[in-house]
């Protein structure tokens, strides 16, 4: 197989880290990546806009921690 580009490698690490999130956290991240606002994310998941913002920030931090634990930086 061909060597992976840096971008492919980063994406692979990202998906590995996302795999360790719980279902709500996964939803938060993917809705965020789709470009939805905190208000829209909250509406999709059934939580307030403020709660969506807080939980999204915690989830981003958790992704960073998982990445570091697995030996790479996102």
PDB file of N, CA and C in Angstrom:
ATOM      1  N   UNK A   1       0.831  -1.192   0.000  1.00  0.00           N
ATOM      2  CA  UNK A   1       0.000   0.000   0.000  1.00  0.00           C
ATOM      3  C   UNK A   1       0.873   1.253   0.000  1.00  0.00           C
ATOM      4  N   UNK A   2       0.351   2.319  -0.561  1.00  0.00           N
ATOM      5  CA  UNK A   2       1.112   3.571  -0.654  1.00  0.00           C
ATOM      6  C   UNK A   2       1.196   4.247   0.706  1.00  0.00           C
ATOM      7  N   UNK A   3       2.278   4.971   0.960  1.00  0.00           N
ATOM      8  CA  UNK A   3       2.357   5.702   2.225  1.00  0.00           C
ATOM      9  C   UNK A   3       1.261   6.756   2.304  1.00  0.00           C
ATOM     10  N   UNK A   4       0.724   6.940   3.495  1.00  0.00           N
ATOM     11  CA  UNK A   4      -0.359   7.907   3.678  1.00  0.00           C
ATOM     12  C   UNK A   4       0.188   9.328   3.677  1.00  0.00           C
ATOM     13  N   UNK A   5      -0.606  10.232   3.144  1.00  0.00           N
ATOM     14  CA  UNK A   5      -0.240  11.643   3.225  1.00  0.00           C
ATOM     15  C   UNK A   5      -0.452  12.096   4.672  1.00  0.00           C
ATOM     16  N   UNK A   6       0.126  13.226   5.015  1.00  0.00           N
ATOM     17  CA  UNK A   6      -0.030  13.779   6.370  1.00  0.00           C
ATOM     18  C   UNK A   6      -1.509  13.981   6.694  1.00  0.00           C
ATOM     19  N   UNK A   7      -2.263  14.468   5.707  1.00  0.00           N
ATOM     20  CA  UNK A   7      -3.696  14.718   5.909  1.00  0.00           C
ATOM     21  C   UNK A   7      -4.456  13.411   6.167  1.00  0.00           C
ATOM     22  N   UNK A   8      -4.142  12.377   5.406  1.00  0.00           N
ATOM     23  CA  UNK A   8      -4.800  11.078   5.593  1.00  0.00           C
ATOM     24  C   UNK A   8      -4.472  10.504   6.975  1.00  0.00           C
ATOM     25  N   UNK A   9      -3.240  10.701   7.391  1.00  0.00           N
ATOM     26  CA  UNK A   9      -2.798  10.225   8.689  1.00  0.00           C
ATOM     27  C   UNK A   9      -3.548  10.949   9.809  1.00  0.00           C
ATOM     28  N   UNK A  10      -3.671  12.273   9.667  1.00  0.00           N
ATOM     29  CA  UNK A  10      -4.398  13.071  10.664  1.00  0.00           C
ATOM     30  C   UNK A  10      -5.859  12.634  10.738  1.00  0.00           C
ATOM     31  N   UNK A  11      -6.462  12.405   9.584  1.00  0.00           N
ATOM     32  CA  UNK A  11      -7.856  11.985   9.529  1.00  0.00           C
ATOM     33  C   UNK A  11      -8.028  10.621  10.203  1.00  0.00           C
ATOM     34  N   UNK A  12      -7.098   9.733   9.944  1.00  0.00           N
ATOM     35  CA  UNK A  12      -7.109   8.406  10.552  1.00  0.00           C
ATOM     36  C   UNK A  12      -7.020   8.507  12.072  1.00  0.00           C
ATOM     37  N   UNK A  13      -6.115   9.355  12.569  1.00  0.00           N
ATOM     38  CA  UNK A  13      -5.970   9.565  14.014  1.00  0.00           C
ATOM     39  C   UNK A  13      -7.244  10.177  14.593  1.00  0.00           C
ATOM     40  N   UNK A  14      -7.814  11.135  13.858  1.00  0.00           N
ATOM     41  CA  UNK A  14      -9.046  11.785  14.302  1.00  0.00           C
ATOM     42  C   UNK A  14     -10.159  10.756  14.471  1.00  0.00           C
ATOM     43  N   UNK A  15     -10.343   9.897  13.452  1.00  0.00           N
ATOM     44  CA  UNK A  15     -11.414   8.900  13.531  1.00  0.00           C
ATOM     45  C   UNK A  15     -11.166   7.883  14.635  1.00  0.00           C
ATOM     46  N   UNK A  16      -9.893   7.535  14.865  1.00  0.00           N
ATOM     47  CA  UNK A  16      -9.559   6.639  15.977  1.00  0.00           C
ATOM     48  C   UNK A  16      -9.983   7.262  17.300  1.00  0.00           C
ATOM     49  N   UNK A  17      -9.692   8.555  17.467  1.00  0.00           N
ATOM     50  CA  UNK A  17     -10.046   9.262  18.701  1.00  0.00           C
ATOM     51  C   UNK A  17     -11.563   9.375  18.840  1.00  0.00           C
ATOM     52  N   UNK A  18     -12.253   9.717  17.756  1.00  0.00           N
ATOM     53  CA  UNK A  18     -13.715   9.855  17.776  1.00  0.00           C
ATOM     54  C   UNK A  18     -14.367   8.527  18.170  1.00  0.00           C
ATOM     55  N   UNK A  19     -13.764   7.427  17.751  1.00  0.00           N
ATOM     56  CA  UNK A  19     -14.276   6.090  18.053  1.00  0.00           C
ATOM     57  C   UNK A  19     -14.405   5.866  19.565  1.00  0.00           C
ATOM     58  N   UNK A  20     -13.579   6.560  20.355  1.00  0.00           N
ATOM     59  CA  UNK A  20     -13.585   6.399  21.809  1.00  0.00           C
ATOM     60  C   UNK A  20     -14.609   7.294  22.515  1.00  0.00           C
ATOM     61  N   UNK A  21     -15.276   8.166  21.755  1.00  0.00           N
ATOM     62  CA  UNK A  21     -16.286   9.051  22.338  1.00  0.00           C
ATOM     63  C   UNK A  21     -17.606   8.314  22.533  1.00  0.00           C
ATOM     64  N   UNK A  22     -18.432   8.838  23.444  1.00  0.00           N
ATOM     65  CA  UNK A  22     -19.767   8.238  23.592  1.00  0.00           C
ATOM     66  C   UNK A  22     -20.681   8.774  22.472  1.00  0.00           C
ATOM     67  N   UNK A  23     -21.858   8.161  22.286  1.00  0.00           N
ATOM     68  CA  UNK A  23     -22.723   8.556  21.158  1.00  0.00           C
ATOM     69  C   UNK A  23     -23.082  10.048  21.116  1.00  0.00           C
ATOM     70  N   UNK A  24     -23.363  10.652  22.272  1.00  0.00           N
ATOM     71  CA  UNK A  24     -23.703  12.086  22.291  1.00  0.00           C
ATOM     72  C   UNK A  24     -22.498  12.910  21.845  1.00  0.00           C
ATOM     73  N   UNK A  25     -21.327  12.572  22.361  1.00  0.00           N
ATOM     74  CA  UNK A  25     -20.105  13.300  21.994  1.00  0.00           C
ATOM     75  C   UNK A  25     -19.830  13.175  20.497  1.00  0.00           C
ATOM     76  N   UNK A  26     -20.041  11.989  19.951  1.00  0.00           N
ATOM     77  CA  UNK A  26     -19.862  11.783  18.503  1.00  0.00           C
ATOM     78  C   UNK A  26     -20.819  12.684  17.730  1.00  0.00           C
ATOM     79  N   UNK A  27     -22.084  12.734  18.176  1.00  0.00           N
ATOM     80  CA  UNK A  27     -23.077  13.592  17.519  1.00  0.00           C
ATOM     81  C   UNK A  27     -22.640  15.042  17.550  1.00  0.00           C
ATOM     82  N   UNK A  28     -22.194  15.504  18.726  1.00  0.00           N
ATOM     83  CA  UNK A  28     -21.745  16.891  18.881  1.00  0.00           C
ATOM     84  C   UNK A  28     -20.647  17.212  17.875  1.00  0.00           C
ATOM     85  N   UNK A  29     -19.639  16.340  17.794  1.00  0.00           N
ATOM     86  CA  UNK A  29     -18.489  16.585  16.913  1.00  0.00           C
ATOM     87  C   UNK A  29     -18.924  16.595  15.446  1.00  0.00           C
ATOM     88  N   UNK A  30     -19.734  15.618  15.048  1.00  0.00           N
ATOM     89  CA  UNK A  30     -20.099  15.553  13.632  1.00  0.00           C
ATOM     90  C   UNK A  30     -21.036  16.697  13.223  1.00  0.00           C
ATOM     91  N   UNK A  31     -21.924  17.104  14.112  1.00  0.00           N
ATOM     92  CA  UNK A  31     -22.786  18.259  13.813  1.00  0.00           C
ATOM     93  C   UNK A  31     -21.937  19.528  13.717  1.00  0.00           C
ATOM     94  N   UNK A  32     -20.942  19.641  14.600  1.00  0.00           N
ATOM     95  CA  UNK A  32     -20.012  20.775  14.566  1.00  0.00           C
ATOM     96  C   UNK A  32     -19.244  20.789  13.240  1.00  0.00           C
ATOM     97  N   UNK A  33     -18.769  19.612  12.819  1.00  0.00           N
ATOM     98  CA  UNK A  33     -18.006  19.522  11.564  1.00  0.00           C
ATOM     99  C   UNK A  33     -18.866  19.839  10.347  1.00  0.00           C
ATOM    100  N   UNK A  34     -20.179  19.626  10.477  1.00  0.00           N
ATOM    101  CA  UNK A  34     -21.097  19.967   9.379  1.00  0.00           C
ATOM    102  C   UNK A  34     -21.363  21.465   9.320  1.00  0.00           C
ATOM    103  N   UNK A  35     -20.831  22.202  10.308  1.00  0.00           N
ATOM    104  CA  UNK A  35     -20.962  23.655  10.285  1.00  0.00           C
ATOM    105  C   UNK A  35     -22.194  24.198  10.990  1.00  0.00           C
ATOM    106  N   UNK A  36     -22.853  23.357  11.782  1.00  0.00           N
ATOM    107  CA  UNK A  36     -24.036  23.822  12.498  1.00  0.00           C
ATOM    108  C   UNK A  36     -23.639  24.742  13.649  1.00  0.00           C
ATOM    109  N   UNK A  37     -24.503  25.685  13.970  1.00  0.00           N
ATOM    110  CA  UNK A  37     -24.280  26.591  15.097  1.00  0.00           C
ATOM    111  C   UNK A  37     -24.546  25.831  16.401  1.00  0.00           C
ATOM    112  N   UNK A  38     -24.117  26.414  17.513  1.00  0.00           N
ATOM    113  CA  UNK A  38     -24.392  25.797  18.818  1.00  0.00           C
ATOM    114  C   UNK A  38     -25.893  25.648  19.027  1.00  0.00           C
ATOM    115  N   UNK A  39     -26.641  26.650  18.573  1.00  0.00           N
ATOM    116  CA  UNK A  39     -28.109  26.616  18.695  1.00  0.00           C
ATOM    117  C   UNK A  39     -28.681  25.426  17.902  1.00  0.00           C
ATOM    118  N   UNK A  40     -28.209  25.255  16.663  1.00  0.00           N
ATOM    119  CA  UNK A  40     -28.684  24.147  15.822  1.00  0.00           C
ATOM    120  C   UNK A  40     -28.265  22.796  16.393  1.00  0.00           C
ATOM    121  N   UNK A  41     -27.050  22.721  16.914  1.00  0.00           N
ATOM    122  CA  UNK A  41     -26.569  21.467  17.523  1.00  0.00           C
ATOM    123  C   UNK A  41     -27.464  21.118  18.707  1.00  0.00           C
ATOM    124  N   UNK A  42     -27.735  22.121  19.543  1.00  0.00           N
ATOM    125  CA  UNK A  42     -28.615  21.910  20.693  1.00  0.00           C
ATOM    126  C   UNK A  42     -29.990  21.415  20.285  1.00  0.00           C
ATOM    127  N   UNK A  43     -30.540  22.035  19.245  1.00  0.00           N
ATOM    128  CA  UNK A  43     -31.871  21.640  18.752  1.00  0.00           C
ATOM    129  C   UNK A  43     -31.852  20.200  18.251  1.00  0.00           C
ATOM    130  N   UNK A  44     -30.781  19.812  17.556  1.00  0.00           N
ATOM    131  CA  UNK A  44     -30.662  18.447  17.030  1.00  0.00           C
ATOM    132  C   UNK A  44     -30.588  17.400  18.135  1.00  0.00           C
ATOM    133  N   UNK A  45     -29.888  17.746  19.213  1.00  0.00           N
ATOM    134  CA  UNK A  45     -29.649  16.776  20.287  1.00  0.00           C
ATOM    135  C   UNK A  45     -30.695  16.897  21.397  1.00  0.00           C
ATOM    136  N   UNK A  46     -31.387  18.037  21.441  1.00  0.00           N
ATOM    137  CA  UNK A  46     -32.409  18.233  22.461  1.00  0.00           C
ATOM    138  C   UNK A  46     -31.859  18.837  23.741  1.00  0.00           C
ATOM    139  N   UNK A  47     -30.850  19.699  23.598  1.00  0.00           N
ATOM    140  CA  UNK A  47     -30.277  20.403  24.748  1.00  0.00           C
ATOM    141  C   UNK A  47     -30.227  21.898  24.429  1.00  0.00           C
ATOM    142  N   UNK A  48     -29.953  22.718  25.436  1.00  0.00           N
ATOM    143  CA  UNK A  48     -29.917  24.167  25.210  1.00  0.00           C
ATOM    144  C   UNK A  48     -28.666  24.558  24.422  1.00  0.00           C
ATOM    145  N   UNK A  49     -28.703  25.752  23.865  1.00  0.00           N
ATOM    146  CA  UNK A  49     -27.556  26.278  23.114  1.00  0.00           C
ATOM    147  C   UNK A  49     -26.321  26.363  24.015  1.00  0.00           C
ATOM    148  N   UNK A  50     -26.504  26.851  25.243  1.00  0.00           N
ATOM    149  CA  UNK A  50     -25.382  26.979  26.191  1.00  0.00           C
ATOM    150  C   UNK A  50     -24.815  25.602  26.527  1.00  0.00           C
ATOM    151  N   UNK A  51     -25.705  24.653  26.780  1.00  0.00           N
ATOM    152  CA  UNK A  51     -25.282  23.282  27.091  1.00  0.00           C
ATOM    153  C   UNK A  51     -24.532  22.681  25.906  1.00  0.00           C
ATOM    154  N   UNK A  52     -25.012  22.931  24.702  1.00  0.00           N
ATOM    155  CA  UNK A  52     -24.347  22.427  23.494  1.00  0.00           C
ATOM    156  C   UNK A  52     -22.926  22.986  23.406  1.00  0.00           C
ATOM    157  N   UNK A  53     -22.767  24.279  23.684  1.00  0.00           N
ATOM    158  CA  UNK A  53     -21.450  24.918  23.615  1.00  0.00           C
ATOM    159  C   UNK A  53     -20.499  24.295  24.644  1.00  0.00           C
ATOM    160  N   UNK A  54     -20.987  24.156  25.880  1.00  0.00           N
ATOM    161  CA  UNK A  54     -20.168  23.603  26.968  1.00  0.00           C
ATOM    162  C   UNK A  54     -19.768  22.155  26.651  1.00  0.00           C
ATOM    163  N   UNK A  55     -20.748  21.363  26.241  1.00  0.00           N
ATOM    164  CA  UNK A  55     -20.468  19.947  25.976  1.00  0.00           C
ATOM    165  C   UNK A  55     -19.558  19.772  24.762  1.00  0.00           C
ATOM    166  N   UNK A  56     -19.709  20.636  23.766  1.00  0.00           N
ATOM    167  CA  UNK A  56     -18.844  20.576  22.591  1.00  0.00           C
ATOM    168  C   UNK A  56     -17.401  20.897  22.987  1.00  0.00           C
ATOM    169  N   UNK A  57     -17.216  21.926  23.803  1.00  0.00           N
ATOM    170  CA  UNK A  57     -15.867  22.276  24.256  1.00  0.00           C
ATOM    171  C   UNK A  57     -15.242  21.147  25.070  1.00  0.00           C
ATOM    172  N   UNK A  58     -16.029  20.523  25.938  1.00  0.00           N
ATOM    173  CA  UNK A  58     -15.535  19.381  26.729  1.00  0.00           C
ATOM    174  C   UNK A  58     -15.171  18.222  25.808  1.00  0.00           C
ATOM    175  N   UNK A  59     -15.978  18.009  24.783  1.00  0.00           N
ATOM    176  CA  UNK A  59     -15.724  16.910  23.847  1.00  0.00           C
ATOM    177  C   UNK A  59     -14.450  17.163  23.047  1.00  0.00           C
ATOM    178  N   UNK A  60     -14.227  18.410  22.636  1.00  0.00           N
ATOM    179  CA  UNK A  60     -12.985  18.759  21.925  1.00  0.00           C
ATOM    180  C   UNK A  60     -11.777  18.499  22.817  1.00  0.00           C
ATOM    181  N   UNK A  61     -11.895  18.887  24.106  1.00  0.00           N
ATOM    182  CA  UNK A  61     -10.808  18.632  25.065  1.00  0.00           C
ATOM    183  C   UNK A  61     -10.568  17.132  25.219  1.00  0.00           C
ATOM    184  N   UNK A  62     -11.660  16.369  25.283  1.00  0.00           N
ATOM    185  CA  UNK A  62     -11.547  14.918  25.431  1.00  0.00           C
ATOM    186  C   UNK A  62     -10.841  14.313  24.219  1.00  0.00           C
ATOM    187  N   UNK A  63     -11.172  14.802  23.017  1.00  0.00           N
ATOM    188  CA  UNK A  63     -10.494  14.324  21.803  1.00  0.00           C
ATOM    189  C   UNK A  63      -8.988  14.575  21.884  1.00  0.00           C
ATOM    190  N   UNK A  64      -8.611  15.761  22.370  1.00  0.00           N
ATOM    191  CA  UNK A  64      -7.188  16.100  22.521  1.00  0.00           C
ATOM    192  C   UNK A  64      -6.519  15.134  23.506  1.00  0.00           C
ATOM    193  N   UNK A  65      -7.189  14.852  24.624  1.00  0.00           N
ATOM    194  CA  UNK A  65      -6.642  13.942  25.638  1.00  0.00           C
ATOM    195  C   UNK A  65      -6.481  12.530  25.072  1.00  0.00           C
ATOM    196  N   UNK A  66      -7.482  12.070  24.344  1.00  0.00           N
ATOM    197  CA  UNK A  66      -7.415  10.734  23.727  1.00  0.00           C
ATOM    198  C   UNK A  66      -6.243  10.686  22.748  1.00  0.00           C
ATOM    199  N   UNK A  67      -6.094  11.744  21.952  1.00  0.00           N
ATOM    200  CA  UNK A  67      -5.015  11.819  20.969  1.00  0.00           C
ATOM    201  C   UNK A  67      -3.650  11.733  21.641  1.00  0.00           C
ATOM    202  N   UNK A  68      -3.473  12.521  22.704  1.00  0.00           N
ATOM    203  CA  UNK A  68      -2.193  12.510  23.427  1.00  0.00           C
ATOM    204  C   UNK A  68      -1.916  11.142  24.018  1.00  0.00           C
ATOM    205  N   UNK A  69      -2.956  10.530  24.596  1.00  0.00           N
ATOM    206  CA  UNK A  69      -2.835   9.192  25.190  1.00  0.00           C
ATOM    207  C   UNK A  69      -2.397   8.177  24.123  1.00  0.00           C
ATOM    208  N   UNK A  70      -2.910   8.357  22.906  1.00  0.00           N
ATOM    209  CA  UNK A  70      -2.577   7.441  21.807  1.00  0.00           C
ATOM    210  C   UNK A  70      -1.268   7.809  21.109  1.00  0.00           C
ATOM    211  N   UNK A  71      -0.624   8.894  21.582  1.00  0.00           N
ATOM    212  CA  UNK A  71       0.699   9.228  21.093  1.00  0.00           C
ATOM    213  C   UNK A  71       0.765  10.158  19.887  1.00  0.00           C
ATOM    214  N   UNK A  72      -0.271  10.933  19.674  1.00  0.00           N
ATOM    215  CA  UNK A  72      -0.224  11.914  18.579  1.00  0.00           C
ATOM    216  C   UNK A  72      -1.042  13.131  18.944  1.00  0.00           C
ATOM    217  N   UNK A  73      -0.840  14.216  18.218  1.00  0.00           N
ATOM    218  CA  UNK A  73      -1.548  15.475  18.462  1.00  0.00           C
ATOM    219  C   UNK A  73      -2.503  15.735  17.305  1.00  0.00           C
ATOM    220  N   UNK A  74      -3.699  16.192  17.646  1.00  0.00           N
ATOM    221  CA  UNK A  74      -4.643  16.599  16.581  1.00  0.00           C
ATOM    222  C   UNK A  74      -4.435  18.053  16.258  1.00  0.00           C
TER     223      UNK A  74
END
